[in-house]
Every structure is written in C-alpha cells, then in structure tokens.
PDB file of N, CA and C in Angstrom:
ATOM      1  N   MET A   1      11.036  -7.815  10.159  1.00  0.00           N
ATOM      2  CA  MET A   1      10.183  -7.019   9.285  1.00  0.00           C
ATOM      3  C   MET A   1       8.938  -6.592  10.064  1.00  0.00           C
ATOM      4  N   ALA A   2       8.523  -5.369   9.831  1.00  0.00           N
ATOM      5  CA  ALA A   2       7.350  -4.809  10.496  1.00  0.00           C
ATOM      6  C   ALA A   2       6.166  -4.813   9.546  1.00  0.00           C
ATOM      7  N   LEU A   3       4.973  -4.869  10.112  1.00  0.00           N
ATOM      8  CA  LEU A   3       3.733  -4.882   9.349  1.00  0.00           C
ATOM      9  C   LEU A   3       3.177  -3.454   9.263  1.00  0.00           C
ATOM     10  N   PHE A   4       2.637  -3.106   8.093  1.00  0.00           N
ATOM     11  CA  PHE A   4       2.063  -1.779   7.875  1.00  0.00           C
ATOM     12  C   PHE A   4       0.775  -1.899   7.074  1.00  0.00           C
ATOM     13  N   VAL A   5      -0.144  -0.979   7.343  1.00  0.00           N
ATOM     14  CA  VAL A   5      -1.341  -0.797   6.505  1.00  0.00           C
ATOM     15  C   VAL A   5      -1.150   0.538   5.799  1.00  0.00           C
ATOM     16  N   VAL A   6      -1.391   0.539   4.506  1.00  0.00           N
ATOM     17  CA  VAL A   6      -1.191   1.739   3.679  1.00  0.00           C
ATOM     18  C   VAL A   6      -2.522   2.117   3.045  1.00  0.00           C
ATOM     19  N   ARG A   7      -2.805   3.431   3.045  1.00  0.00           N
ATOM     20  CA  ARG A   7      -3.988   3.925   2.341  1.00  0.00           C
ATOM     21  C   ARG A   7      -3.556   5.010   1.363  1.00  0.00           C
ATOM     22  N   HIS A   8      -3.985   4.840   0.126  1.00  0.00           N
ATOM     23  CA  HIS A   8      -3.764   5.872  -0.898  1.00  0.00           C
ATOM     24  C   HIS A   8      -5.132   6.321  -1.388  1.00  0.00           C
ATOM     25  N   GLN A   9      -5.335   7.645  -1.445  1.00  0.00           N
ATOM     26  CA  GLN A   9      -6.566   8.210  -1.982  1.00  0.00           C
ATOM     27  C   GLN A   9      -6.226   9.287  -2.999  1.00  0.00           C
ATOM     28  N   HIS A  10      -7.085   9.403  -3.995  1.00  0.00           N
ATOM     29  CA  HIS A  10      -6.928  10.485  -4.968  1.00  0.00           C
ATOM     30  C   HIS A  10      -8.318  10.909  -5.442  1.00  0.00           C
ATOM     31  N   PRO A  11      -8.433  12.136  -5.916  1.00  0.00           N
ATOM     32  CA  PRO A  11      -9.724  12.583  -6.441  1.00  0.00           C
ATOM     33  C   PRO A  11     -10.029  11.883  -7.769  1.00  0.00           C
ATOM     34  N   PRO A  12     -11.311  11.693  -8.066  1.00  0.00           N
ATOM     35  CA  PRO A  12     -11.682  11.010  -9.310  1.00  0.00           C
ATOM     36  C   PRO A  12     -11.052  11.626 -10.558  1.00  0.00           C
ATOM     37  N   GLU A  13     -10.938  12.948 -10.576  1.00  0.00           N
ATOM     38  CA  GLU A  13     -10.410  13.600 -11.786  1.00  0.00           C
ATOM     39  C   GLU A  13      -8.914  13.347 -11.999  1.00  0.00           C
ATOM     40  N   SER A  14      -8.197  12.902 -10.980  1.00  0.00           N
ATOM     41  CA  SER A  14      -6.773  12.598 -11.168  1.00  0.00           C
ATOM     42  C   SER A  14      -6.498  11.102 -11.037  1.00  0.00           C
ATOM     43  N   CYS A  15      -7.521  10.282 -11.273  1.00  0.00           N
ATOM     44  CA  CYS A  15      -7.372   8.828 -11.154  1.00  0.00           C
ATOM     45  C   CYS A  15      -6.368   8.309 -12.183  1.00  0.00           C
ATOM     46  N   PRO A  16      -5.296   7.655 -11.718  1.00  0.00           N
ATOM     47  CA  PRO A  16      -4.307   7.130 -12.651  1.00  0.00           C
ATOM     48  C   PRO A  16      -4.880   6.080 -13.608  1.00  0.00           C
ATOM     49  N   ALA A  17      -5.928   5.385 -13.200  1.00  0.00           N
ATOM     50  CA  ALA A  17      -6.508   4.340 -14.042  1.00  0.00           C
ATOM     51  C   ALA A  17      -7.185   4.910 -15.290  1.00  0.00           C
ATOM     52  N   ARG A  18      -7.416   6.218 -15.321  1.00  0.00           N
ATOM     53  CA  ARG A  18      -8.022   6.836 -16.502  1.00  0.00           C
ATOM     54  C   ARG A  18      -7.075   6.792 -17.699  1.00  0.00           C
ATOM     55  N   ASP A  19      -5.784   6.749 -17.419  1.00  0.00           N
ATOM     56  CA  ASP A  19      -4.754   6.655 -18.460  1.00  0.00           C
ATOM     57  C   ASP A  19      -4.271   5.208 -18.494  1.00  0.00           C
ATOM     58  N   PRO A  20      -4.556   4.461 -19.560  1.00  0.00           N
ATOM     59  CA  PRO A  20      -4.186   3.047 -19.611  1.00  0.00           C
ATOM     60  C   PRO A  20      -2.686   2.795 -19.360  1.00  0.00           C
ATOM     61  N   ARG A  21      -1.825   3.657 -19.876  1.00  0.00           N
ATOM     62  CA  ARG A  21      -0.377   3.467 -19.655  1.00  0.00           C
ATOM     63  C   ARG A  21      -0.029   3.645 -18.186  1.00  0.00           C
ATOM     64  N   MET A  22      -0.585   4.678 -17.560  1.00  0.00           N
ATOM     65  CA  MET A  22      -0.311   4.923 -16.146  1.00  0.00           C
ATOM     66  C   MET A  22      -0.877   3.794 -15.288  1.00  0.00           C
ATOM     67  N   GLY A  23      -2.066   3.355 -15.610  1.00  0.00           N
ATOM     68  CA  GLY A  23      -2.674   2.247 -14.870  1.00  0.00           C
ATOM     69  C   GLY A  23      -1.821   0.997 -14.929  1.00  0.00           C
ATOM     70  N   MET A  24      -1.311   0.660 -16.105  1.00  0.00           N
ATOM     71  CA  MET A  24      -0.456  -0.525 -16.252  1.00  0.00           C
ATOM     72  C   MET A  24       0.868  -0.347 -15.504  1.00  0.00           C
ATOM     73  N   MET A  25       1.420   0.857 -15.536  1.00  0.00           N
ATOM     74  CA  MET A  25       2.663   1.115 -14.813  1.00  0.00           C
ATOM     75  C   MET A  25       2.457   0.904 -13.316  1.00  0.00           C
ATOM     76  N   LEU A  26       1.335   1.387 -12.790  1.00  0.00           N
ATOM     77  CA  LEU A  26       1.064   1.235 -11.367  1.00  0.00           C
ATOM     78  C   LEU A  26       0.802  -0.230 -11.005  1.00  0.00           C
ATOM     79  N   LEU A  27       0.126  -0.971 -11.881  1.00  0.00           N
ATOM     80  CA  LEU A  27      -0.064  -2.403 -11.641  1.00  0.00           C
ATOM     81  C   LEU A  27       1.270  -3.140 -11.601  1.00  0.00           C
ATOM     82  N   ARG A  28       2.167  -2.804 -12.512  1.00  0.00           N
ATOM     83  CA  ARG A  28       3.503  -3.423 -12.490  1.00  0.00           C
ATOM     84  C   ARG A  28       4.231  -3.047 -11.207  1.00  0.00           C
ATOM     85  N   HIS A  29       4.077  -1.804 -10.774  1.00  0.00           N
ATOM     86  CA  HIS A  29       4.737  -1.355  -9.551  1.00  0.00           C
ATOM     87  C   HIS A  29       4.236  -2.146  -8.349  1.00  0.00           C
ATOM     88  N   LEU A  30       2.942  -2.470  -8.329  1.00  0.00           N
ATOM     89  CA  LEU A  30       2.353  -3.203  -7.214  1.00  0.00           C
ATOM     90  C   LEU A  30       2.528  -4.717  -7.312  1.00  0.00           C
ATOM     91  N   SER A  31       3.195  -5.197  -8.342  1.00  0.00           N
ATOM     92  CA  SER A  31       3.387  -6.645  -8.454  1.00  0.00           C
ATOM     93  C   SER A  31       4.260  -7.154  -7.308  1.00  0.00           C
ATOM     94  N   GLU A  32       4.043  -8.409  -6.927  1.00  0.00           N
ATOM     95  CA  GLU A  32       4.828  -8.991  -5.836  1.00  0.00           C
ATOM     96  C   GLU A  32       6.314  -8.966  -6.154  1.00  0.00           C
ATOM     97  N   ALA A  33       6.670  -9.256  -7.400  1.00  0.00           N
ATOM     98  CA  ALA A  33       8.087  -9.275  -7.782  1.00  0.00           C
ATOM     99  C   ALA A  33       8.718  -7.891  -7.624  1.00  0.00           C
ATOM    100  N   ASN A  34       8.032  -6.857  -8.079  1.00  0.00           N
ATOM    101  CA  ASN A  34       8.577  -5.510  -7.959  1.00  0.00           C
ATOM    102  C   ASN A  34       8.635  -5.073  -6.497  1.00  0.00           C
ATOM    103  N   ALA A  35       7.602  -5.380  -5.744  1.00  0.00           N
ATOM    104  CA  ALA A  35       7.597  -5.029  -4.319  1.00  0.00           C
ATOM    105  C   ALA A  35       8.804  -5.668  -3.626  1.00  0.00           C
ATOM    106  N   ARG A  36       9.059  -6.939  -3.910  1.00  0.00           N
ATOM    107  CA  ARG A  36      10.222  -7.634  -3.322  1.00  0.00           C
ATOM    108  C   ARG A  36      11.521  -6.916  -3.644  1.00  0.00           C
ATOM    109  N   GLN A  37      11.648  -6.426  -4.878  1.00  0.00           N
ATOM    110  CA  GLN A  37      12.864  -5.702  -5.266  1.00  0.00           C
ATOM    111  C   GLN A  37      13.052  -4.438  -4.445  1.00  0.00           C
ATOM    112  N   HIS A  38      11.968  -3.899  -3.906  1.00  0.00           N
ATOM    113  CA  HIS A  38      12.018  -2.705  -3.065  1.00  0.00           C
ATOM    114  C   HIS A  38      12.063  -3.053  -1.575  1.00  0.00           C
ATOM    115  N   GLY A  39      12.184  -4.347  -1.264  1.00  0.00           N
ATOM    116  CA  GLY A  39      12.237  -4.766   0.136  1.00  0.00           C
ATOM    117  C   GLY A  39      10.885  -4.810   0.806  1.00  0.00           C
ATOM    118  N   ILE A  40       9.835  -4.937   0.013  1.00  0.00           N
ATOM    119  CA  ILE A  40       8.459  -4.944   0.509  1.00  0.00           C
ATOM    120  C   ILE A  40       7.855  -6.321   0.267  1.00  0.00           C
ATOM    121  N   THR A  41       7.199  -6.868   1.275  1.00  0.00           N
ATOM    122  CA  THR A  41       6.398  -8.075   1.096  1.00  0.00           C
ATOM    123  C   THR A  41       4.945  -7.631   1.086  1.00  0.00           C
ATOM    124  N   LEU A  42       4.284  -7.880  -0.023  1.00  0.00           N
ATOM    125  CA  LEU A  42       2.893  -7.456  -0.213  1.00  0.00           C
ATOM    126  C   LEU A  42       1.975  -8.598   0.199  1.00  0.00           C
ATOM    127  N   HIS A  43       1.162  -8.382   1.232  1.00  0.00           N
ATOM    128  CA  HIS A  43       0.249  -9.414   1.723  1.00  0.00           C
ATOM    129  C   HIS A  43      -1.155  -9.272   1.158  1.00  0.00           C
ATOM    130  N   GLY A  44      -1.542  -8.080   0.767  1.00  0.00           N
ATOM    131  CA  GLY A  44      -2.884  -7.896   0.226  1.00  0.00           C
ATOM    132  C   GLY A  44      -3.080  -6.482  -0.271  1.00  0.00           C
ATOM    133  N   GLU A  45      -4.006  -6.340  -1.197  1.00  0.00           N
ATOM    134  CA  GLU A  45      -4.353  -5.028  -1.732  1.00  0.00           C
ATOM    135  C   GLU A  45      -5.793  -5.040  -2.161  1.00  0.00           C
ATOM    136  N   GLY A  46      -6.414  -3.882  -2.088  1.00  0.00           N
ATOM    137  CA  GLY A  46      -7.786  -3.753  -2.541  1.00  0.00           C
ATOM    138  C   GLY A  46      -8.149  -2.292  -2.712  1.00  0.00           C
ATOM    139  N   VAL A  47      -9.024  -2.042  -3.670  1.00  0.00           N
ATOM    140  CA  VAL A  47      -9.527  -0.690  -3.920  1.00  0.00           C
ATOM    141  C   VAL A  47     -11.002  -0.675  -3.522  1.00  0.00           C
ATOM    142  N   VAL A  48     -11.383   0.297  -2.707  1.00  0.00           N
ATOM    143  CA  VAL A  48     -12.775   0.435  -2.299  1.00  0.00           C
ATOM    144  C   VAL A  48     -13.559   0.946  -3.512  1.00  0.00           C
ATOM    145  N   ASP A  49     -14.541   0.176  -3.929  1.00  0.00           N
ATOM    146  CA  ASP A  49     -15.320   0.523  -5.123  1.00  0.00           C
ATOM    147  C   ASP A  49     -15.909   1.925  -5.024  1.00  0.00           C
ATOM    148  N   GLY A  50     -15.680   2.704  -6.079  1.00  0.00           N
ATOM    149  CA  GLY A  50     -16.249   4.037  -6.188  1.00  0.00           C
ATOM    150  C   GLY A  50     -15.624   5.085  -5.274  1.00  0.00           C
ATOM    151  N   GLN A  51     -14.585   4.732  -4.519  1.00  0.00           N
ATOM    152  CA  GLN A  51     -14.009   5.663  -3.552  1.00  0.00           C
ATOM    153  C   GLN A  51     -12.611   6.153  -3.928  1.00  0.00           C
ATOM    154  N   HIS A  52     -11.993   5.572  -4.960  1.00  0.00           N
ATOM    155  CA  HIS A  52     -10.638   5.950  -5.360  1.00  0.00           C
ATOM    156  C   HIS A  52      -9.681   5.850  -4.170  1.00  0.00           C
ATOM    157  N   THR A  53      -9.847   4.766  -3.424  1.00  0.00           N
ATOM    158  CA  THR A  53      -9.050   4.524  -2.225  1.00  0.00           C
ATOM    159  C   THR A  53      -8.467   3.116  -2.292  1.00  0.00           C
ATOM    160  N   LEU A  54      -7.145   3.038  -2.209  1.00  0.00           N
ATOM    161  CA  LEU A  54      -6.407   1.779  -2.253  1.00  0.00           C
ATOM    162  C   LEU A  54      -5.872   1.474  -0.866  1.00  0.00           C
ATOM    163  N   TYR A  55      -6.023   0.241  -0.410  1.00  0.00           N
ATOM    164  CA  TYR A  55      -5.428  -0.224   0.838  1.00  0.00           C
ATOM    165  C   TYR A  55      -4.445  -1.338   0.532  1.00  0.00           C
ATOM    166  N   LEU A  56      -3.327  -1.318   1.219  1.00  0.00           N
ATOM    167  CA  LEU A  56      -2.322  -2.379   1.120  1.00  0.00           C
ATOM    168  C   LEU A  56      -1.983  -2.866   2.521  1.00  0.00           C
ATOM    169  N   ILE A  57      -1.658  -4.138   2.631  1.00  0.00           N
ATOM    170  CA  ILE A  57      -1.051  -4.696   3.841  1.00  0.00           C
ATOM    171  C   ILE A  57       0.315  -5.191   3.408  1.00  0.00           C
ATOM    172  N   VAL A  58       1.357  -4.620   4.021  1.00  0.00           N
ATOM    173  CA  VAL A  58       2.730  -4.928   3.602  1.00  0.00           C
ATOM    174  C   VAL A  58       3.623  -5.144   4.818  1.00  0.00           C
ATOM    175  N   GLU A  59       4.749  -5.784   4.559  1.00  0.00           N
ATOM    176  CA  GLU A  59       5.816  -5.885   5.543  1.00  0.00           C
ATOM    177  C   GLU A  59       7.065  -5.264   4.939  1.00  0.00           C
ATOM    178  N   ALA A  60       7.831  -4.581   5.786  1.00  0.00           N
ATOM    179  CA  ALA A  60       9.077  -3.955   5.339  1.00  0.00           C
ATOM    180  C   ALA A  60       9.952  -3.710   6.561  1.00  0.00           C
ATOM    181  N   ASP A  61      11.215  -3.386   6.311  1.00  0.00           N
ATOM    182  CA  ASP A  61      12.153  -3.100   7.395  1.00  0.00           C
ATOM    183  C   ASP A  61      11.840  -1.807   8.120  1.00  0.00           C
ATOM    184  N   GLY A  62      11.071  -0.935   7.512  1.00  0.00           N
ATOM    185  CA  GLY A  62      10.732   0.321   8.162  1.00  0.00           C
ATOM    186  C   GLY A  62       9.732   1.116   7.360  1.00  0.00           C
ATOM    187  N   ARG A  63       9.116   2.062   8.034  1.00  0.00           N
ATOM    188  CA  ARG A  63       8.106   2.922   7.423  1.00  0.00           C
ATOM    189  C   ARG A  63       8.671   3.696   6.232  1.00  0.00           C
ATOM    190  N   GLU A  64       9.913   4.142   6.351  1.00  0.00           N
ATOM    191  CA  GLU A  64      10.540   4.919   5.275  1.00  0.00           C
ATOM    192  C   GLU A  64      10.588   4.124   3.977  1.00  0.00           C
ATOM    193  N   LYS A  65      10.845   2.816   4.082  1.00  0.00           N
ATOM    194  CA  LYS A  65      10.902   1.965   2.889  1.00  0.00           C
ATOM    195  C   LYS A  65       9.523   1.891   2.228  1.00  0.00           C
ATOM    196  N   VAL A  66       8.479   1.814   3.033  1.00  0.00           N
ATOM    197  CA  VAL A  66       7.125   1.765   2.493  1.00  0.00           C
ATOM    198  C   VAL A  66       6.772   3.104   1.840  1.00  0.00           C
ATOM    199  N   GLU A  67       7.110   4.192   2.503  1.00  0.00           N
ATOM    200  CA  GLU A  67       6.827   5.515   1.940  1.00  0.00           C
ATOM    201  C   GLU A  67       7.556   5.715   0.610  1.00  0.00           C
ATOM    202  N   ALA A  68       8.794   5.255   0.518  1.00  0.00           N
ATOM    203  CA  ALA A  68       9.548   5.362  -0.737  1.00  0.00           C
ATOM    204  C   ALA A  68       8.886   4.535  -1.830  1.00  0.00           C
ATOM    205  N   PHE A  69       8.439   3.334  -1.484  1.00  0.00           N
ATOM    206  CA  PHE A  69       7.763   2.461  -2.449  1.00  0.00           C
ATOM    207  C   PHE A  69       6.477   3.098  -2.968  1.00  0.00           C
ATOM    208  N   MET A  70       5.801   3.857  -2.129  1.00  0.00           N
ATOM    209  CA  MET A  70       4.512   4.449  -2.487  1.00  0.00           C
ATOM    210  C   MET A  70       4.636   5.788  -3.209  1.00  0.00           C
ATOM    211  N   GLN A  71       5.835   6.267  -3.484  1.00  0.00           N
ATOM    212  CA  GLN A  71       6.014   7.566  -4.133  1.00  0.00           C
ATOM    213  C   GLN A  71       5.238   7.725  -5.444  1.00  0.00           C
ATOM    214  N   PRO A  72       5.176   6.713  -6.315  1.00  0.00           N
ATOM    215  CA  PRO A  72       4.384   6.911  -7.539  1.00  0.00           C
ATOM    216  C   PRO A  72       2.916   7.236  -7.250  1.00  0.00           C
ATOM    217  N   PHE A  73       2.380   6.709  -6.154  1.00  0.00           N
ATOM    218  CA  PHE A  73       0.993   6.980  -5.784  1.00  0.00           C
ATOM    219  C   PHE A  73       0.852   8.354  -5.146  1.00  0.00           C
ATOM    220  N   ALA A  74       1.872   8.795  -4.452  1.00  0.00           N
ATOM    221  CA  ALA A  74       1.843  10.111  -3.803  1.00  0.00           C
ATOM    222  C   ALA A  74       1.737  11.221  -4.845  1.00  0.00           C
ATOM    223  N   GLN A  75       2.165  10.956  -6.069  1.00  0.00           N
ATOM    224  CA  GLN A  75       2.069  11.957  -7.130  1.00  0.00           C
ATOM    225  C   GLN A  75       0.615  12.213  -7.539  1.00  0.00           C
ATOM    226  N   ALA A  76      -0.264  11.217  -7.278  1.00  0.00           N
ATOM    227  CA  ALA A  76      -1.672  11.345  -7.686  1.00  0.00           C
ATOM    228  C   ALA A  76      -2.591  11.705  -6.529  1.00  0.00           C
ATOM    229  N   GLY A  77      -2.107  11.579  -5.293  1.00  0.00           N
ATOM    230  CA  GLY A  77      -2.969  11.854  -4.150  1.00  0.00           C
ATOM    231  C   GLY A  77      -2.235  11.614  -2.844  1.00  0.00           C
ATOM    232  N   SER A  78      -2.985  11.362  -1.801  1.00  0.00           N
ATOM    233  CA  SER A  78      -2.380  11.185  -0.474  1.00  0.00           C
ATOM    234  C   SER A  78      -1.958   9.737  -0.253  1.00  0.00           C
ATOM    235  N   VAL A  79      -0.948   9.572   0.594  1.00  0.00           N
ATOM    236  CA  VAL A  79      -0.482   8.253   1.029  1.00  0.00           C
ATOM    237  C   VAL A  79      -0.297   8.316   2.536  1.00  0.00           C
ATOM    238  N   GLU A  80      -0.931   7.390   3.228  1.00  0.00           N
ATOM    239  CA  GLU A  80      -0.762   7.274   4.671  1.00  0.00           C
ATOM    240  C   GLU A  80      -0.245   5.874   4.974  1.00  0.00           C
ATOM    241  N   VAL A  81       0.745   5.788   5.867  1.00  0.00           N
ATOM    242  CA  VAL A  81       1.348   4.517   6.249  1.00  0.00           C
ATOM    243  C   VAL A  81       1.229   4.392   7.759  1.00  0.00           C
ATOM    244  N   TRP A  82       0.568   3.320   8.208  1.00  0.00           N
ATOM    245  CA  TRP A  82       0.376   3.101   9.639  1.00  0.00           C
ATOM    246  C   TRP A  82       1.038   1.801  10.078  1.00  0.00           C
ATOM    247  N   PRO A  83       1.758   1.823  11.217  1.00  0.00           N
ATOM    248  CA  PRO A  83       2.261   0.578  11.786  1.00  0.00           C
ATOM    249  C   PRO A  83       1.063  -0.294  12.178  1.00  0.00           C
ATOM    250  N   ALA A  84       1.198  -1.595  12.017  1.00  0.00           N
ATOM    251  CA  ALA A  84       0.088  -2.506  12.295  1.00  0.00           C
ATOM    252  C   ALA A  84       0.614  -3.765  12.978  1.00  0.00           C
ATOM    253  N   SER A  85      -0.304  -4.559  13.466  1.00  0.00           N
ATOM    254  CA  SER A  85       0.013  -5.845  14.090  1.00  0.00           C
ATOM    255  C   SER A  85      -0.966  -6.885  13.576  1.00  0.00           C
ATOM    256  N   ARG A  86      -0.539  -8.114  13.564  1.00  0.00           N
ATOM    257  CA  ARG A  86      -1.434  -9.221  13.229  1.00  0.00           C
ATOM    258  C   ARG A  86      -2.415  -9.409  14.378  1.00  0.00           C
ATOM    259  N   CYS A  87      -3.580  -9.935  14.077  1.00  0.00           N
ATOM    260  CA  CYS A  87      -4.627 -10.126  15.099  1.00  0.00           C
ATOM    261  C   CYS A  87      -4.117 -10.972  16.256  1.00  0.00           C
ATOM    262  N   GLU A  88      -3.404 -12.067  15.963  1.00  0.00           N
ATOM    263  CA  GLU A  88      -2.943 -12.943  17.042  1.00  0.00           C
ATOM    264  C   GLU A  88      -1.950 -12.220  17.969  1.00  0.00           C
ATOM    265  N   THR A  89      -1.200 -11.282  17.426  1.00  0.00           N
ATOM    266  CA  THR A  89      -0.274 -10.493  18.252  1.00  0.00           C
ATOM    267  C   THR A  89      -1.048  -9.601  19.211  1.00  0.00           C
ATOM    268  N   VAL A  90      -2.091  -8.965  18.721  1.00  0.00           N
ATOM    269  CA  VAL A  90      -2.911  -8.087  19.565  1.00  0.00           C
ATOM    270  C   VAL A  90      -3.586  -8.904  20.672  1.00  0.00           C
ATOM    271  N   VAL A  91      -4.139 -10.044  20.318  1.00  0.00           N
ATOM    272  CA  VAL A  91      -4.813 -10.883  21.304  1.00  0.00           C
ATOM    273  C   VAL A  91      -3.832 -11.359  22.361  1.00  0.00           C
ATOM    274  N   SER A  92      -2.637 -11.771  21.943  1.00  0.00           N
ATOM    275  CA  SER A  92      -1.660 -12.262  22.925  1.00  0.00           C
ATOM    276  C   SER A  92      -1.183 -11.142  23.860  1.00  0.00           C
ATOM    277  N   ARG A  93      -1.137  -9.912  23.377  1.00  0.00           N
ATOM    278  CA  ARG A  93      -0.750  -8.782  24.241  1.00  0.00           C
ATOM    279  C   ARG A  93      -1.809  -8.500  25.292  1.00  0.00           C
ATOM    280  N   GLN A  94      -3.034  -8.849  24.993  1.00  0.00           N
ATOM    281  CA  GLN A  94      -4.140  -8.586  25.928  1.00  0.00           C
ATOM    282  C   GLN A  94      -4.242  -9.676  26.997  1.00  0.00           C
ATOM    283  N   GLY A  95      -3.386 -10.683  26.920  1.00  0.00           N
ATOM    284  CA  GLY A  95      -3.393 -11.735  27.928  1.00  0.00           C
ATOM    285  C   GLY A  95      -4.534 -12.718  27.792  1.00  0.00           C
ATOM    286  N   CYS A  96      -5.161 -12.788  26.617  1.00  0.00           N
ATOM    287  CA  CYS A  96      -6.278 -13.723  26.403  1.00  0.00           C
ATOM    288  C   CYS A  96      -5.765 -15.107  26.117  1.00  0.00           C
TER     289      CYS A  96
END
C-alpha cells in the first residue's frame, strides 16, 4: 500500500456542510469503515479553520483508488492527490 496526502478545497458558497444532509453523507463517506470498503486506510483528516480546505492522509493500492474515493468531494470543488512518504522513510533515504 502506498501513502498519499489529499487536499480538497471548495468555495464557501458551495460548502457541503451548509446542507445538513450532505454534511452527514460526507462524514459517513469519510468514516474508517467506509474507507476500508473502498480499499482506503484513513490515517488522519483535518479541515483548516475558515479555509474550506480538507486534508487527508491515506494509504491505498494506487492513486486511482484514492481519486475514485474522493469523487463525492470533487463535485463540490477541487481534489488533489499527492504521493507521500513517512518521515522515517525520508530520513533513511538521506543516509542519516
């Protein structure tokens, strides 16, 4: 499994949290159980206060799987998926 950092952003006027039903649907989608059903291991999530920006740290078999999982968020704004490494992996590659 590969590690990825995901960023989702949307404009304030299209914030899914403004609609209680949509907000609950997205929370269910981001649950660990649902992520597992999509082949995603969710390690962390957070929304930057006042910025309408969500970050996730996930593991999956490939970027395509993460992009497919994030489709509900892509309907409200942008989704970017970046390959990532754990800190200890980066340090060990540097020969430290």
